[in-house]
Amino acid sequence: MSPYPFALSLNAAIQVSADADGYCLAPEGADASPGVISSMVTLPSLTGMGDALAQLREGGATATALVQALIDRQGAAAGEQLAATLQQLDQRGWLNYAVLPLAIAEPLV
């Protein structure tokens, strides 16, 4: 992942499903059977993890902001797990990056 403050969003082709054990991220149309684990990324069902994934789907938050929000709600271990997962998602090409606005120009009238 880039150390610069880019806004992250989850690629639209990645589906997020939730169950009692946690969250599963997989490409749309991927076989989610137990034998095809390599096409999936799983996260535990922790307080705040669903919110972090929702923010990731919406876009607009930096990796640092997502991780810090989870640390504030669930602790450092959960934040580290989310940071490692974001790294995995980036390596798979499942994240989109956007430049945060640095300035807003207003026309002089």
N, C-alpha and C. Protein backbone atom coordinates (compact mmCIF):
# COMPACT_ATOMS: atom_id res chain seq x y z
N MET A 1 0.84 -1.18 0.00
CA MET A 1 0.00 0.00 0.00
C MET A 1 0.87 1.23 0.00
N SER A 2 0.33 2.26 -0.56
CA SER A 2 1.07 3.51 -0.65
C SER A 2 1.09 4.22 0.70
N PRO A 3 2.23 4.82 1.06
CA PRO A 3 2.29 5.56 2.32
C PRO A 3 1.61 6.93 2.22
N TYR A 4 1.22 7.33 1.02
CA TYR A 4 0.59 8.63 0.83
C TYR A 4 -0.89 8.56 1.21
N PRO A 5 -1.48 9.69 1.57
CA PRO A 5 -2.87 9.68 2.07
C PRO A 5 -3.92 9.60 0.95
N PHE A 6 -3.91 8.49 0.23
CA PHE A 6 -4.92 8.26 -0.78
C PHE A 6 -6.18 7.72 -0.12
N ALA A 7 -7.32 8.06 -0.68
CA ALA A 7 -8.58 7.48 -0.23
C ALA A 7 -8.70 6.10 -0.87
N LEU A 8 -9.10 5.13 -0.09
CA LEU A 8 -9.24 3.76 -0.57
C LEU A 8 -10.69 3.43 -0.80
N SER A 9 -10.93 2.56 -1.77
CA SER A 9 -12.25 1.97 -1.93
C SER A 9 -12.07 0.55 -2.44
N LEU A 10 -13.04 -0.27 -2.14
CA LEU A 10 -13.00 -1.66 -2.57
C LEU A 10 -13.47 -1.73 -4.01
N ASN A 11 -12.77 -2.48 -4.82
CA ASN A 11 -13.14 -2.67 -6.22
C ASN A 11 -14.59 -3.14 -6.29
N ALA A 12 -15.36 -2.60 -7.24
CA ALA A 12 -16.78 -2.92 -7.37
C ALA A 12 -17.03 -4.40 -7.66
N ALA A 13 -16.04 -5.11 -8.21
CA ALA A 13 -16.21 -6.52 -8.52
C ALA A 13 -16.01 -7.43 -7.31
N ILE A 14 -15.67 -6.85 -6.17
CA ILE A 14 -15.45 -7.64 -4.95
C ILE A 14 -16.72 -7.64 -4.12
N GLN A 15 -17.20 -8.83 -3.79
CA GLN A 15 -18.40 -8.98 -2.99
C GLN A 15 -18.02 -9.22 -1.53
N VAL A 16 -18.79 -8.64 -0.62
CA VAL A 16 -18.59 -8.83 0.81
C VAL A 16 -19.81 -9.57 1.34
N SER A 17 -19.57 -10.70 1.97
CA SER A 17 -20.67 -11.43 2.60
C SER A 17 -20.35 -11.61 4.08
N ALA A 18 -21.40 -11.64 4.88
CA ALA A 18 -21.22 -11.75 6.34
C ALA A 18 -21.99 -12.97 6.85
N ASP A 19 -21.41 -13.60 7.85
CA ASP A 19 -22.10 -14.66 8.58
C ASP A 19 -21.70 -14.56 10.04
N ALA A 20 -22.07 -15.53 10.83
CA ALA A 20 -21.81 -15.47 12.27
C ALA A 20 -20.31 -15.47 12.59
N ASP A 21 -19.50 -16.08 11.71
CA ASP A 21 -18.06 -16.18 11.97
C ASP A 21 -17.28 -14.95 11.55
N GLY A 22 -17.83 -14.18 10.61
CA GLY A 22 -17.11 -13.00 10.16
C GLY A 22 -17.52 -12.58 8.77
N TYR A 23 -16.57 -12.01 8.05
CA TYR A 23 -16.81 -11.45 6.73
C TYR A 23 -15.93 -12.17 5.71
N CYS A 24 -16.47 -12.36 4.53
CA CYS A 24 -15.74 -13.00 3.44
C CYS A 24 -15.75 -12.06 2.26
N LEU A 25 -14.58 -11.78 1.70
CA LEU A 25 -14.45 -10.95 0.52
C LEU A 25 -13.98 -11.85 -0.61
N ALA A 26 -14.67 -11.77 -1.74
CA ALA A 26 -14.31 -12.60 -2.89
C ALA A 26 -14.75 -11.90 -4.17
N PRO A 27 -14.05 -12.18 -5.27
CA PRO A 27 -14.47 -11.59 -6.53
C PRO A 27 -15.86 -12.06 -6.90
N GLU A 28 -16.60 -11.21 -7.57
CA GLU A 28 -17.95 -11.54 -8.01
C GLU A 28 -17.90 -12.79 -8.89
N GLY A 29 -18.76 -13.74 -8.58
CA GLY A 29 -18.83 -14.97 -9.35
C GLY A 29 -17.79 -16.00 -8.96
N ALA A 30 -16.96 -15.72 -7.97
CA ALA A 30 -15.94 -16.68 -7.54
C ALA A 30 -16.59 -17.82 -6.78
N ASP A 31 -16.01 -18.99 -6.89
CA ASP A 31 -16.49 -20.16 -6.17
C ASP A 31 -16.07 -20.02 -4.71
N ALA A 32 -17.04 -19.90 -3.83
CA ALA A 32 -16.75 -19.71 -2.40
C ALA A 32 -16.74 -21.02 -1.64
N SER A 33 -16.56 -22.14 -2.33
CA SER A 33 -16.53 -23.42 -1.64
C SER A 33 -15.23 -23.55 -0.86
N PRO A 34 -15.23 -24.40 0.18
CA PRO A 34 -14.04 -24.52 1.03
C PRO A 34 -12.76 -24.88 0.27
N GLY A 35 -12.87 -25.55 -0.87
CA GLY A 35 -11.68 -25.94 -1.62
C GLY A 35 -11.04 -24.81 -2.40
N VAL A 36 -11.72 -23.68 -2.52
CA VAL A 36 -11.21 -22.56 -3.31
C VAL A 36 -10.93 -21.38 -2.39
N ILE A 37 -10.13 -21.59 -1.39
CA ILE A 37 -9.83 -20.58 -0.39
C ILE A 37 -9.00 -19.44 -0.97
N SER A 38 -8.15 -19.73 -1.96
CA SER A 38 -7.22 -18.71 -2.44
C SER A 38 -7.92 -17.50 -3.06
N SER A 39 -9.17 -17.65 -3.48
CA SER A 39 -9.87 -16.51 -4.08
C SER A 39 -10.66 -15.72 -3.05
N MET A 40 -10.49 -16.03 -1.77
CA MET A 40 -11.24 -15.36 -0.72
C MET A 40 -10.31 -14.73 0.31
N VAL A 41 -10.81 -13.69 0.97
CA VAL A 41 -10.14 -13.11 2.13
C VAL A 41 -11.19 -13.07 3.23
N THR A 42 -10.85 -13.56 4.41
CA THR A 42 -11.81 -13.58 5.50
C THR A 42 -11.35 -12.67 6.64
N LEU A 43 -12.33 -12.10 7.33
CA LEU A 43 -12.09 -11.24 8.48
C LEU A 43 -13.01 -11.69 9.61
N PRO A 44 -12.55 -11.61 10.85
CA PRO A 44 -13.42 -12.01 11.96
C PRO A 44 -14.53 -10.99 12.20
N SER A 45 -15.57 -11.44 12.83
CA SER A 45 -16.70 -10.58 13.16
C SER A 45 -16.38 -9.84 14.46
N LEU A 46 -15.75 -8.68 14.33
CA LEU A 46 -15.40 -7.85 15.48
C LEU A 46 -16.24 -6.58 15.44
N THR A 47 -16.46 -5.99 16.59
CA THR A 47 -17.15 -4.71 16.65
C THR A 47 -16.35 -3.69 15.85
N GLY A 48 -17.00 -3.05 14.90
CA GLY A 48 -16.35 -2.05 14.09
C GLY A 48 -15.83 -2.56 12.76
N MET A 49 -15.66 -3.86 12.60
CA MET A 49 -15.14 -4.40 11.33
C MET A 49 -16.15 -4.18 10.21
N GLY A 50 -17.42 -4.36 10.49
CA GLY A 50 -18.46 -4.12 9.49
C GLY A 50 -18.47 -2.67 9.05
N ASP A 51 -18.29 -1.77 10.01
CA ASP A 51 -18.23 -0.34 9.68
C ASP A 51 -17.02 -0.02 8.82
N ALA A 52 -15.88 -0.64 9.14
CA ALA A 52 -14.66 -0.41 8.36
C ALA A 52 -14.86 -0.90 6.92
N LEU A 53 -15.49 -2.07 6.76
CA LEU A 53 -15.74 -2.58 5.41
C LEU A 53 -16.75 -1.71 4.67
N ALA A 54 -17.74 -1.20 5.37
CA ALA A 54 -18.72 -0.30 4.73
C ALA A 54 -18.03 0.97 4.25
N GLN A 55 -17.14 1.53 5.08
CA GLN A 55 -16.39 2.72 4.67
C GLN A 55 -15.48 2.41 3.49
N LEU A 56 -14.91 1.22 3.48
CA LEU A 56 -14.05 0.82 2.38
C LEU A 56 -14.85 0.69 1.08
N ARG A 57 -16.06 0.18 1.17
CA ARG A 57 -16.91 0.07 -0.02
C ARG A 57 -17.32 1.45 -0.53
N GLU A 58 -17.59 2.37 0.39
CA GLU A 58 -18.01 3.73 -0.01
C GLU A 58 -16.84 4.53 -0.58
N GLY A 59 -15.66 4.30 -0.04
CA GLY A 59 -14.48 5.07 -0.45
C GLY A 59 -14.40 6.36 0.35
N GLY A 60 -13.32 7.08 0.18
CA GLY A 60 -13.16 8.37 0.84
C GLY A 60 -12.34 8.35 2.11
N ALA A 61 -12.05 7.18 2.66
CA ALA A 61 -11.25 7.10 3.89
C ALA A 61 -9.85 6.59 3.55
N THR A 62 -8.87 7.07 4.27
CA THR A 62 -7.50 6.59 4.08
C THR A 62 -7.32 5.29 4.87
N ALA A 63 -6.29 4.55 4.53
CA ALA A 63 -5.99 3.33 5.27
C ALA A 63 -5.74 3.64 6.74
N THR A 64 -5.04 4.74 7.00
CA THR A 64 -4.75 5.14 8.38
C THR A 64 -6.03 5.43 9.15
N ALA A 65 -6.97 6.11 8.53
CA ALA A 65 -8.23 6.44 9.20
C ALA A 65 -9.05 5.18 9.48
N LEU A 66 -9.08 4.24 8.53
CA LEU A 66 -9.82 2.99 8.73
C LEU A 66 -9.23 2.20 9.89
N VAL A 67 -7.91 2.06 9.89
CA VAL A 67 -7.24 1.29 10.93
C VAL A 67 -7.40 1.97 12.29
N GLN A 68 -7.24 3.29 12.35
CA GLN A 68 -7.36 4.01 13.61
C GLN A 68 -8.77 3.90 14.19
N ALA A 69 -9.78 3.98 13.33
CA ALA A 69 -11.16 3.85 13.81
C ALA A 69 -11.40 2.48 14.42
N LEU A 70 -10.81 1.44 13.83
CA LEU A 70 -10.97 0.10 14.39
C LEU A 70 -10.17 -0.05 15.68
N ILE A 71 -8.99 0.54 15.75
CA ILE A 71 -8.20 0.49 16.98
C ILE A 71 -8.97 1.16 18.11
N ASP A 72 -9.60 2.29 17.82
CA ASP A 72 -10.37 3.00 18.85
C ASP A 72 -11.54 2.17 19.37
N ARG A 73 -12.12 1.36 18.52
CA ARG A 73 -13.29 0.57 18.93
C ARG A 73 -12.93 -0.80 19.49
N GLN A 74 -11.87 -1.43 18.94
CA GLN A 74 -11.62 -2.83 19.28
C GLN A 74 -10.22 -3.12 19.81
N GLY A 75 -9.29 -2.19 19.65
CA GLY A 75 -7.95 -2.40 20.16
C GLY A 75 -6.91 -2.56 19.06
N ALA A 76 -5.65 -2.55 19.49
CA ALA A 76 -4.53 -2.56 18.56
C ALA A 76 -4.47 -3.84 17.72
N ALA A 77 -4.79 -4.98 18.29
CA ALA A 77 -4.72 -6.24 17.54
C ALA A 77 -5.68 -6.23 16.36
N ALA A 78 -6.88 -5.71 16.56
CA ALA A 78 -7.85 -5.63 15.47
C ALA A 78 -7.38 -4.67 14.39
N GLY A 79 -6.78 -3.56 14.79
CA GLY A 79 -6.24 -2.60 13.84
C GLY A 79 -5.12 -3.20 13.00
N GLU A 80 -4.24 -3.96 13.66
CA GLU A 80 -3.16 -4.62 12.94
C GLU A 80 -3.70 -5.65 11.95
N GLN A 81 -4.76 -6.35 12.35
CA GLN A 81 -5.36 -7.34 11.46
C GLN A 81 -5.97 -6.66 10.23
N LEU A 82 -6.65 -5.53 10.44
CA LEU A 82 -7.22 -4.81 9.32
C LEU A 82 -6.11 -4.27 8.40
N ALA A 83 -5.04 -3.76 8.98
CA ALA A 83 -3.92 -3.25 8.17
C ALA A 83 -3.33 -4.37 7.32
N ALA A 84 -3.16 -5.56 7.90
CA ALA A 84 -2.63 -6.70 7.14
C ALA A 84 -3.60 -7.12 6.04
N THR A 85 -4.89 -7.06 6.33
CA THR A 85 -5.90 -7.41 5.33
C THR A 85 -5.91 -6.40 4.19
N LEU A 86 -5.79 -5.12 4.53
CA LEU A 86 -5.71 -4.10 3.47
C LEU A 86 -4.50 -4.34 2.57
N GLN A 87 -3.40 -4.77 3.16
CA GLN A 87 -2.20 -5.10 2.38
C GLN A 87 -2.50 -6.26 1.43
N GLN A 88 -3.19 -7.29 1.93
CA GLN A 88 -3.57 -8.43 1.08
C GLN A 88 -4.47 -7.98 -0.06
N LEU A 89 -5.45 -7.16 0.25
CA LEU A 89 -6.38 -6.67 -0.77
C LEU A 89 -5.63 -5.87 -1.84
N ASP A 90 -4.67 -5.07 -1.40
CA ASP A 90 -3.87 -4.28 -2.33
C ASP A 90 -3.04 -5.19 -3.23
N GLN A 91 -2.42 -6.21 -2.67
CA GLN A 91 -1.60 -7.14 -3.46
C GLN A 91 -2.43 -7.89 -4.49
N ARG A 92 -3.69 -8.12 -4.19
CA ARG A 92 -4.58 -8.82 -5.13
C ARG A 92 -5.20 -7.88 -6.16
N GLY A 93 -4.98 -6.58 -5.99
CA GLY A 93 -5.54 -5.61 -6.91
C GLY A 93 -7.00 -5.31 -6.65
N TRP A 94 -7.45 -5.54 -5.44
CA TRP A 94 -8.86 -5.37 -5.08
C TRP A 94 -9.16 -3.97 -4.55
N LEU A 95 -8.16 -3.12 -4.39
CA LEU A 95 -8.38 -1.77 -3.88
C LEU A 95 -8.24 -0.74 -5.00
N ASN A 96 -9.04 0.28 -4.91
CA ASN A 96 -8.93 1.43 -5.80
C ASN A 96 -8.40 2.59 -4.97
N TYR A 97 -7.60 3.45 -5.60
CA TYR A 97 -7.03 4.60 -4.93
C TYR A 97 -7.57 5.88 -5.56
N ALA A 98 -7.82 6.88 -4.74
CA ALA A 98 -8.25 8.19 -5.22
C ALA A 98 -7.45 9.24 -4.46
N VAL A 99 -7.18 10.33 -5.14
CA VAL A 99 -6.45 11.43 -4.50
C VAL A 99 -7.44 12.25 -3.68
N LEU A 100 -7.09 12.51 -2.45
CA LEU A 100 -7.92 13.37 -1.61
C LEU A 100 -7.75 14.81 -2.08
N PRO A 101 -8.79 15.60 -1.99
CA PRO A 101 -8.65 17.00 -2.44
C PRO A 101 -7.63 17.73 -1.56
N LEU A 102 -6.69 18.36 -2.23
CA LEU A 102 -5.67 19.12 -1.51
C LEU A 102 -6.11 20.57 -1.33
N ALA A 103 -6.91 21.04 -2.29
CA ALA A 103 -7.39 22.42 -2.23
C ALA A 103 -8.68 22.52 -3.04
N ILE A 104 -9.46 23.49 -2.72
CA ILE A 104 -10.69 23.75 -3.46
C ILE A 104 -10.57 25.14 -4.05
N ALA A 105 -10.72 25.21 -5.36
CA ALA A 105 -10.61 26.50 -6.05
C ALA A 105 -11.99 27.12 -6.20
N GLU A 106 -12.09 28.37 -5.83
CA GLU A 106 -13.33 29.12 -6.00
C GLU A 106 -13.06 30.27 -6.96
N PRO A 107 -13.89 30.38 -7.99
CA PRO A 107 -13.65 31.45 -8.97
C PRO A 107 -13.88 32.83 -8.34
N LEU A 108 -13.06 33.78 -8.74
CA LEU A 108 -13.23 35.15 -8.28
C LEU A 108 -14.19 35.85 -9.23
N VAL A 109 -15.20 36.45 -8.68
CA VAL A 109 -16.19 37.13 -9.52
C VAL A 109 -16.14 38.60 -9.29
